[in-house]
Structure formats: structure tokens, C-alpha cells
């Protein structure tokens, strides 16, 4: 299945939840905002929200500094 993450096409072999995708990408879900098809996904839904064929995801991470 083909999805787009931050403008880059990727192939995934299985249906994933948003949480599983973040885990596979080694991204901390506590500091990652996920936009799926132009809709912000609530962190409460990460475990249940499926990633589907042709989805477009933007993954944004909080960065500290100062």
C-alpha cells in the first residue's frame, strides 16, 4: 500500500494504526503531531486510527531550544 509522509511516497506492507506507524518510524508519540489527509489526529486516537491506502500524513515534532 502506498502512503505519503511529509511529501515522500512510501510503501507499507500491512495496515497500521497511527501509533504503530510512529513506533516503526521511531518517533515519540508524546511530541509528534499527526495530520492525516489535512485533519489533525487527536493523540487519544493514535491507537485506533488506521493508516489507509493513499493517505497523506504530515508528522510534526516539537523541538526544544532557546
Protein backbone atom coordinates (compact mmCIF):
# COMPACT_ATOMS: atom_id res chain seq x y z
CA UNK A 1 0.00 0.00 0.00
CA UNK A 2 1.27 3.47 -0.83
CA UNK A 3 1.07 6.39 1.59
CA UNK A 4 2.72 9.81 1.62
CA UNK A 5 4.64 11.00 4.69
CA UNK A 6 5.79 14.63 4.71
CA UNK A 7 5.57 14.74 0.92
CA UNK A 8 7.51 11.49 0.35
CA UNK A 9 5.80 8.39 -1.07
CA UNK A 10 6.32 5.22 0.97
CA UNK A 11 5.26 1.63 0.59
CA UNK A 12 3.98 -0.22 3.64
CA UNK A 13 3.14 -3.90 3.62
CA UNK A 14 0.44 -4.01 6.26
CA UNK A 15 -2.38 -1.89 7.60
CA UNK A 16 -1.08 0.16 10.51
CA UNK A 17 -2.51 2.43 13.14
CA UNK A 18 -1.03 5.89 13.56
CA UNK A 19 0.65 4.67 16.78
CA UNK A 20 2.22 1.65 15.08
CA UNK A 21 3.49 3.85 12.24
CA UNK A 22 5.10 6.26 14.72
CA UNK A 23 6.70 3.31 16.52
CA UNK A 24 8.08 1.92 13.26
CA UNK A 25 9.49 5.35 12.40
CA UNK A 26 10.95 5.58 15.94
CA UNK A 27 9.05 8.80 16.66
CA UNK A 28 7.87 9.65 20.16
CA UNK A 29 4.07 9.98 20.03
CA UNK A 30 4.12 12.37 23.02
CA UNK A 31 5.93 15.04 20.97
CA UNK A 32 4.62 14.24 17.47
CA UNK A 33 1.59 15.89 15.90
CA UNK A 34 -0.03 13.87 13.13
CA UNK A 35 -2.08 15.39 10.34
CA UNK A 36 -3.86 12.76 8.22
CA UNK A 37 -5.45 13.95 4.98
CA UNK A 38 -5.44 17.59 6.20
CA UNK A 39 -7.05 16.68 9.56
CA UNK A 40 -5.18 16.80 12.89
CA UNK A 41 -5.43 13.42 14.62
CA UNK A 42 -6.10 13.58 18.36
CA UNK A 43 -3.44 11.77 20.42
CA UNK A 44 -6.30 9.84 22.02
CA UNK A 45 -6.99 8.32 18.58
CA UNK A 46 -3.41 7.29 17.70
CA UNK A 47 -4.01 3.70 18.88
CA UNK A 48 -7.17 3.22 16.82
CA UNK A 49 -6.83 5.47 13.75
CA UNK A 50 -5.92 3.35 10.72
CA UNK A 51 -3.48 4.45 8.05
CA UNK A 52 -5.10 3.68 4.68
CA UNK A 53 -4.07 3.40 1.03
CA UNK A 54 -3.21 6.82 -0.47
CA UNK A 55 -3.31 8.62 2.88
CA UNK A 56 -1.24 11.77 3.13
CA UNK A 57 0.36 12.26 6.53
CA UNK A 58 2.31 15.19 7.90
CA UNK A 59 4.34 14.38 11.00
CA UNK A 60 5.45 17.36 13.06
CA UNK A 61 7.68 17.11 16.13
CA UNK A 62 8.13 19.59 18.95
CA UNK A 63 11.69 20.85 19.14
CA UNK A 64 13.13 22.40 22.27
CA UNK A 65 15.71 25.09 22.27
CA UNK A 66 16.40 28.55 23.33
